[in-house]
């Protein structure tokens, strides 16, 4: 299931998206328990935008996904899809678990207003 982010980005502007990562028991994962974090940035059709596929970000929780103005430039559709994956130690399932979360990121479409 995808989550719609409550923050709306501006068309063609730099932005940062901060997300907290949780394990299977809805417990915030400690930074020490995270091995790696990657993300994909795609359009409504699932097409990768600006080569943002399997991008590695520094391990942190919350994690900060930095986007450029080219990443947030849209045409007629008012959102992008952010898919975040992390390898971590789960409080119930043990070490080496992979979790993937998908977020719909609204973007104000100022070009077509």
N, C-alpha and C. Protein backbone atom coordinates (compact mmCIF):
# COMPACT_ATOMS: atom_id res chain seq x y z
N UNK A 1 0.83 -1.19 0.00
CA UNK A 1 0.00 0.00 0.00
C UNK A 1 0.88 1.25 0.00
N UNK A 2 0.51 2.21 -0.75
CA UNK A 2 1.27 3.45 -0.86
C UNK A 2 0.75 4.49 0.11
N UNK A 3 1.65 5.37 0.51
CA UNK A 3 1.32 6.46 1.41
C UNK A 3 1.37 7.76 0.62
N UNK A 4 0.38 8.61 0.79
CA UNK A 4 0.40 9.94 0.16
C UNK A 4 1.02 10.90 1.17
N UNK A 5 2.12 11.53 0.79
CA UNK A 5 2.78 12.46 1.70
C UNK A 5 1.93 13.71 1.87
N UNK A 6 1.89 14.23 3.07
CA UNK A 6 1.07 15.40 3.35
C UNK A 6 1.71 16.70 2.87
N UNK A 7 3.02 16.67 2.65
CA UNK A 7 3.73 17.85 2.16
C UNK A 7 3.70 17.88 0.64
N UNK A 8 3.34 19.02 0.07
CA UNK A 8 3.33 19.19 -1.38
C UNK A 8 4.57 19.96 -1.80
N UNK A 9 5.28 19.42 -2.80
CA UNK A 9 6.47 20.09 -3.31
C UNK A 9 6.06 21.09 -4.39
N UNK A 10 6.96 22.00 -4.70
CA UNK A 10 6.71 22.98 -5.76
C UNK A 10 7.36 22.51 -7.05
N UNK A 11 6.65 22.72 -8.14
CA UNK A 11 7.13 22.36 -9.47
C UNK A 11 8.49 23.01 -9.74
N UNK A 12 9.45 22.20 -10.19
CA UNK A 12 10.78 22.66 -10.60
C UNK A 12 11.53 23.39 -9.49
N UNK A 13 11.45 22.87 -8.26
CA UNK A 13 12.23 23.46 -7.17
C UNK A 13 12.93 22.36 -6.38
N UNK A 14 14.06 22.69 -5.78
CA UNK A 14 14.78 21.73 -4.96
C UNK A 14 13.99 21.45 -3.69
N UNK A 15 14.14 20.24 -3.17
CA UNK A 15 13.38 19.87 -1.97
C UNK A 15 14.08 18.74 -1.23
N UNK A 16 13.68 18.56 0.00
CA UNK A 16 14.14 17.43 0.79
C UNK A 16 12.94 16.76 1.42
N UNK A 17 12.90 15.44 1.36
CA UNK A 17 11.81 14.69 1.97
C UNK A 17 12.41 13.87 3.11
N UNK A 18 11.91 14.11 4.31
CA UNK A 18 12.38 13.41 5.49
C UNK A 18 11.37 12.32 5.85
N UNK A 19 11.86 11.08 5.98
CA UNK A 19 11.00 9.95 6.29
C UNK A 19 11.57 9.14 7.45
N UNK A 20 10.70 8.72 8.35
CA UNK A 20 11.12 7.84 9.43
C UNK A 20 10.87 6.40 9.00
N UNK A 21 11.84 5.52 9.27
CA UNK A 21 11.76 4.13 8.87
C UNK A 21 11.35 3.26 10.05
N UNK A 22 10.39 2.36 9.81
CA UNK A 22 9.85 1.49 10.86
C UNK A 22 10.02 0.03 10.48
N UNK A 23 10.13 -0.83 11.48
CA UNK A 23 10.23 -2.25 11.21
C UNK A 23 8.84 -2.89 11.15
N UNK A 24 8.78 -4.21 11.10
CA UNK A 24 7.51 -4.92 10.93
C UNK A 24 6.56 -4.75 12.11
N UNK A 25 7.11 -4.38 13.27
CA UNK A 25 6.28 -4.17 14.47
C UNK A 25 5.95 -2.69 14.67
N UNK A 26 6.18 -1.87 13.65
CA UNK A 26 5.94 -0.43 13.70
C UNK A 26 6.82 0.27 14.72
N UNK A 27 8.02 -0.28 14.94
CA UNK A 27 9.00 0.32 15.83
C UNK A 27 10.03 1.05 14.96
N UNK A 28 10.37 2.28 15.34
CA UNK A 28 11.36 3.04 14.60
C UNK A 28 12.69 2.29 14.63
N UNK A 29 13.31 2.11 13.47
CA UNK A 29 14.56 1.36 13.37
C UNK A 29 15.71 2.27 13.77
N UNK A 30 16.60 1.77 14.65
CA UNK A 30 17.75 2.58 15.05
C UNK A 30 18.71 2.67 13.88
N UNK A 31 19.41 3.79 13.79
CA UNK A 31 20.38 3.98 12.71
C UNK A 31 21.41 2.86 12.73
N UNK A 32 21.81 2.42 13.90
CA UNK A 32 22.80 1.34 14.02
C UNK A 32 22.29 0.03 13.42
N UNK A 33 20.97 -0.14 13.37
CA UNK A 33 20.39 -1.36 12.84
C UNK A 33 20.14 -1.34 11.34
N UNK A 34 20.44 -0.23 10.68
CA UNK A 34 20.21 -0.11 9.24
C UNK A 34 21.53 -0.32 8.50
N UNK A 35 21.51 -1.21 7.52
CA UNK A 35 22.71 -1.49 6.73
C UNK A 35 22.80 -0.59 5.51
N UNK A 36 21.69 -0.40 4.81
CA UNK A 36 21.70 0.44 3.61
C UNK A 36 20.30 0.97 3.32
N UNK A 37 20.27 2.11 2.60
CA UNK A 37 19.01 2.73 2.18
C UNK A 37 19.18 3.18 0.73
N UNK A 38 18.20 2.85 -0.11
CA UNK A 38 18.20 3.30 -1.50
C UNK A 38 16.81 3.81 -1.85
N UNK A 39 16.74 4.58 -2.96
CA UNK A 39 15.42 5.02 -3.42
C UNK A 39 15.36 5.06 -4.94
N UNK A 40 14.12 5.00 -5.43
CA UNK A 40 13.79 5.23 -6.84
C UNK A 40 12.83 6.41 -6.88
N UNK A 41 12.90 7.20 -7.95
CA UNK A 41 12.03 8.37 -8.15
C UNK A 41 11.41 8.19 -9.54
N UNK A 42 10.11 8.01 -9.60
CA UNK A 42 9.48 7.70 -10.89
C UNK A 42 8.22 8.52 -11.12
N UNK A 43 7.77 8.48 -12.38
CA UNK A 43 6.54 9.17 -12.74
C UNK A 43 5.34 8.24 -12.56
N UNK A 44 4.16 8.72 -12.95
CA UNK A 44 2.93 7.96 -12.73
C UNK A 44 2.89 6.64 -13.49
N UNK A 45 3.72 6.50 -14.52
CA UNK A 45 3.78 5.27 -15.30
C UNK A 45 4.86 4.31 -14.83
N UNK A 46 5.56 4.69 -13.75
CA UNK A 46 6.63 3.84 -13.24
C UNK A 46 7.97 4.06 -13.92
N UNK A 47 8.05 5.07 -14.80
CA UNK A 47 9.30 5.37 -15.50
C UNK A 47 10.23 6.16 -14.59
N UNK A 48 11.46 5.75 -14.50
CA UNK A 48 12.44 6.42 -13.65
C UNK A 48 12.68 7.84 -14.17
N UNK A 49 12.72 8.80 -13.24
CA UNK A 49 12.95 10.21 -13.57
C UNK A 49 14.40 10.57 -13.26
N UNK A 50 15.07 11.18 -14.23
CA UNK A 50 16.44 11.69 -14.08
C UNK A 50 17.44 10.64 -13.59
N UNK A 51 17.25 9.41 -13.98
CA UNK A 51 18.19 8.35 -13.60
C UNK A 51 18.18 8.03 -12.11
N UNK A 52 17.14 8.44 -11.41
CA UNK A 52 17.08 8.22 -9.95
C UNK A 52 16.57 6.80 -9.63
N UNK A 53 17.38 5.81 -9.97
CA UNK A 53 17.06 4.42 -9.70
C UNK A 53 18.13 3.82 -8.80
N UNK A 54 17.70 3.20 -7.72
CA UNK A 54 18.61 2.55 -6.78
C UNK A 54 19.68 3.52 -6.27
N UNK A 55 19.27 4.74 -5.97
CA UNK A 55 20.17 5.77 -5.46
C UNK A 55 20.45 5.50 -3.98
N UNK A 56 21.71 5.42 -3.62
CA UNK A 56 22.11 5.18 -2.24
C UNK A 56 22.14 6.50 -1.48
N UNK A 57 21.56 6.50 -0.29
CA UNK A 57 21.58 7.69 0.57
C UNK A 57 22.26 7.32 1.89
N UNK A 58 22.81 8.31 2.60
CA UNK A 58 23.46 8.02 3.87
C UNK A 58 22.48 7.36 4.86
N UNK A 59 22.99 6.39 5.58
CA UNK A 59 22.17 5.69 6.58
C UNK A 59 21.84 6.65 7.71
N UNK A 60 20.55 6.84 7.94
CA UNK A 60 20.05 7.71 9.01
C UNK A 60 18.57 7.38 9.22
N UNK A 61 18.08 7.69 10.38
CA UNK A 61 16.64 7.56 10.63
C UNK A 61 16.23 8.67 11.59
N UNK A 62 15.49 9.66 11.08
CA UNK A 62 14.86 9.72 9.77
C UNK A 62 15.89 9.89 8.66
N UNK A 63 15.51 9.44 7.46
CA UNK A 63 16.35 9.56 6.28
C UNK A 63 15.90 10.78 5.49
N UNK A 64 16.87 11.47 4.88
CA UNK A 64 16.56 12.64 4.08
C UNK A 64 16.84 12.34 2.61
N UNK A 65 15.80 12.44 1.79
CA UNK A 65 15.91 12.26 0.34
C UNK A 65 15.99 13.65 -0.28
N UNK A 66 17.13 13.96 -0.91
CA UNK A 66 17.32 15.28 -1.52
C UNK A 66 16.96 15.23 -3.00
N UNK A 67 16.15 16.19 -3.42
CA UNK A 67 15.70 16.27 -4.81
C UNK A 67 16.10 17.60 -5.41
N UNK A 68 16.42 17.58 -6.70
CA UNK A 68 16.79 18.81 -7.41
C UNK A 68 15.58 19.37 -8.14
N UNK A 69 15.72 20.55 -8.69
CA UNK A 69 14.63 21.16 -9.45
C UNK A 69 14.27 20.32 -10.67
N UNK A 70 15.25 19.64 -11.26
CA UNK A 70 14.97 18.76 -12.41
C UNK A 70 14.13 17.56 -11.97
N UNK A 71 14.31 17.09 -10.74
CA UNK A 71 13.54 15.96 -10.23
C UNK A 71 12.07 16.31 -10.03
N UNK A 72 11.79 17.53 -9.63
CA UNK A 72 10.42 17.93 -9.31
C UNK A 72 9.71 18.63 -10.46
N UNK A 73 10.38 18.79 -11.59
CA UNK A 73 9.73 19.41 -12.76
C UNK A 73 8.74 18.41 -13.34
N UNK A 74 7.48 18.84 -13.45
CA UNK A 74 6.44 17.95 -13.96
C UNK A 74 5.74 18.60 -15.14
N UNK A 75 5.00 17.80 -15.88
CA UNK A 75 4.22 18.33 -17.00
C UNK A 75 2.77 18.49 -16.57
N UNK A 76 1.95 17.52 -16.88
CA UNK A 76 0.52 17.63 -16.58
C UNK A 76 0.11 16.85 -15.35
N UNK A 77 0.96 15.94 -14.87
CA UNK A 77 0.61 15.12 -13.71
C UNK A 77 1.16 15.78 -12.45
N UNK A 78 0.38 15.78 -11.38
CA UNK A 78 0.77 16.49 -10.17
C UNK A 78 1.41 15.65 -9.08
N UNK A 79 2.10 14.55 -9.44
CA UNK A 79 2.78 13.78 -8.41
C UNK A 79 3.91 12.95 -9.00
N UNK A 80 4.79 12.49 -8.13
CA UNK A 80 5.84 11.54 -8.44
C UNK A 80 5.72 10.41 -7.43
N UNK A 81 6.41 9.32 -7.70
CA UNK A 81 6.39 8.17 -6.81
C UNK A 81 7.80 7.96 -6.27
N UNK A 82 7.92 7.96 -4.94
CA UNK A 82 9.18 7.72 -4.25
C UNK A 82 9.12 6.32 -3.65
N UNK A 83 10.04 5.46 -4.06
CA UNK A 83 10.10 4.11 -3.51
C UNK A 83 11.39 4.00 -2.71
N UNK A 84 11.28 3.75 -1.40
CA UNK A 84 12.43 3.67 -0.52
C UNK A 84 12.59 2.23 -0.04
N UNK A 85 13.82 1.72 -0.13
CA UNK A 85 14.13 0.36 0.33
C UNK A 85 15.24 0.43 1.36
N UNK A 86 15.14 -0.40 2.38
CA UNK A 86 16.23 -0.45 3.35
C UNK A 86 16.45 -1.86 3.84
N UNK A 87 17.73 -2.15 4.11
CA UNK A 87 18.18 -3.42 4.69
C UNK A 87 18.46 -3.13 6.15
N UNK A 88 17.85 -3.92 7.05
CA UNK A 88 17.92 -3.57 8.47
C UNK A 88 17.76 -4.80 9.35
N UNK A 89 17.96 -4.60 10.65
CA UNK A 89 17.73 -5.63 11.66
C UNK A 89 16.37 -5.38 12.27
N UNK A 90 15.46 -6.35 12.13
CA UNK A 90 14.09 -6.21 12.59
C UNK A 90 13.95 -6.68 14.04
N UNK A 91 13.15 -5.97 14.83
CA UNK A 91 12.98 -6.31 16.25
C UNK A 91 12.30 -7.66 16.44
N UNK A 92 11.54 -8.14 15.46
CA UNK A 92 10.86 -9.43 15.58
C UNK A 92 11.40 -10.48 14.61
N UNK A 93 11.80 -10.07 13.41
CA UNK A 93 12.18 -11.02 12.37
C UNK A 93 13.68 -11.29 12.30
N UNK A 94 14.49 -10.48 12.98
CA UNK A 94 15.93 -10.69 12.99
C UNK A 94 16.69 -9.83 11.99
N UNK A 95 17.95 -10.19 11.81
CA UNK A 95 18.86 -9.39 10.97
C UNK A 95 18.63 -9.65 9.49
N UNK A 96 19.07 -8.68 8.68
CA UNK A 96 19.08 -8.85 7.24
C UNK A 96 17.72 -8.78 6.56
N UNK A 97 16.80 -8.02 7.11
CA UNK A 97 15.47 -7.89 6.51
C UNK A 97 15.46 -6.73 5.51
N UNK A 98 14.66 -6.87 4.46
CA UNK A 98 14.49 -5.81 3.47
C UNK A 98 13.06 -5.31 3.55
N UNK A 99 12.90 -4.01 3.60
CA UNK A 99 11.57 -3.41 3.59
C UNK A 99 11.52 -2.38 2.47
N UNK A 100 10.39 -2.33 1.79
CA UNK A 100 10.19 -1.37 0.70
C UNK A 100 8.89 -0.62 0.96
N UNK A 101 8.95 0.70 0.90
CA UNK A 101 7.77 1.55 1.08
C UNK A 101 7.64 2.46 -0.13
N UNK A 102 6.41 2.66 -0.58
CA UNK A 102 6.13 3.53 -1.71
C UNK A 102 5.33 4.74 -1.25
N UNK A 103 5.73 5.92 -1.72
CA UNK A 103 5.08 7.17 -1.34
C UNK A 103 4.67 7.94 -2.59
N UNK A 104 3.44 8.46 -2.59
CA UNK A 104 3.01 9.38 -3.63
C UNK A 104 3.36 10.78 -3.14
N UNK A 105 4.11 11.51 -3.95
CA UNK A 105 4.60 12.84 -3.57
C UNK A 105 3.87 13.88 -4.43
N UNK A 106 2.94 14.63 -3.84
CA UNK A 106 2.23 15.67 -4.62
C UNK A 106 3.17 16.82 -4.98
N UNK A 107 2.98 17.34 -6.20
CA UNK A 107 3.78 18.46 -6.66
C UNK A 107 2.84 19.50 -7.26
N UNK A 108 2.94 20.75 -6.76
CA UNK A 108 2.14 21.84 -7.34
C UNK A 108 2.57 22.06 -8.77
N UNK A 109 1.61 22.01 -9.67
CA UNK A 109 1.88 22.15 -11.09
C UNK A 109 1.67 23.61 -11.52
N UNK A 110 2.66 24.46 -11.26
CA UNK A 110 2.53 25.88 -11.56
C UNK A 110 2.60 26.17 -13.06
N UNK A 111 3.22 25.30 -13.83
CA UNK A 111 3.40 25.53 -15.25
C UNK A 111 2.06 25.55 -15.98
N UNK A 112 1.15 24.67 -15.57
CA UNK A 112 -0.13 24.53 -16.28
C UNK A 112 -1.30 25.19 -15.57
N UNK A 113 -1.02 26.16 -14.70
CA UNK A 113 -2.11 26.84 -13.99
C UNK A 113 -2.62 27.98 -14.82
